[in-house]
Amino acid sequence: MSNSLRHIGVAVVALAFSSLISCHTSSQQYAPIASQAISWDKAAQYIGKDATVTGPVVGIYHSVSSRGSPTFIDLGLNYPTPGRFTVVIWGEDLGNFKPDPEHAYRGKTIYVRGVVGEYNSSPQIVVKSPAQIEAR
């Protein structure tokens, strides 16, 4: 085997290993950490930061007619009450959730992990995977 083919083989193995590590790390990165969770009503203090937010699910709404077909999960206070915390699942990611959020999270306390953002003065986390949410 020539040196150039050997280098290509080593590069392919290194790339595959790097991808495997990256996938494993990213799924672990978003696992909710209950011991470090902050209450939904304190989430606004963490905008722009990675955090685990916890609270009781008080409302779930799938807006099929809105652009992006989002599902909204409200913690603590229901929409449109100011000060609520919202978990957003975009329609393109909804298929990742089995069972659907309505059945998986209604009436439960959840822990959700991700970067806390803000929309219309309310804190939120956009989730792509059920690995980011733990229900109790």
Foldseek 3Di string as FASTA:
>chain_A
DDPVVVVVVVVVVVVVVVVVVVVVVVLVVQAFDVVFEDEQLCLVVQAQHKHKYKAAFDDWDFDCPDVQRKIWTWGPDDPPDPSIEIEIEGPVQQVQDVPGCVVPHHGWMKIFTDHWHDDPNHIYGYDRHCSRMDTD
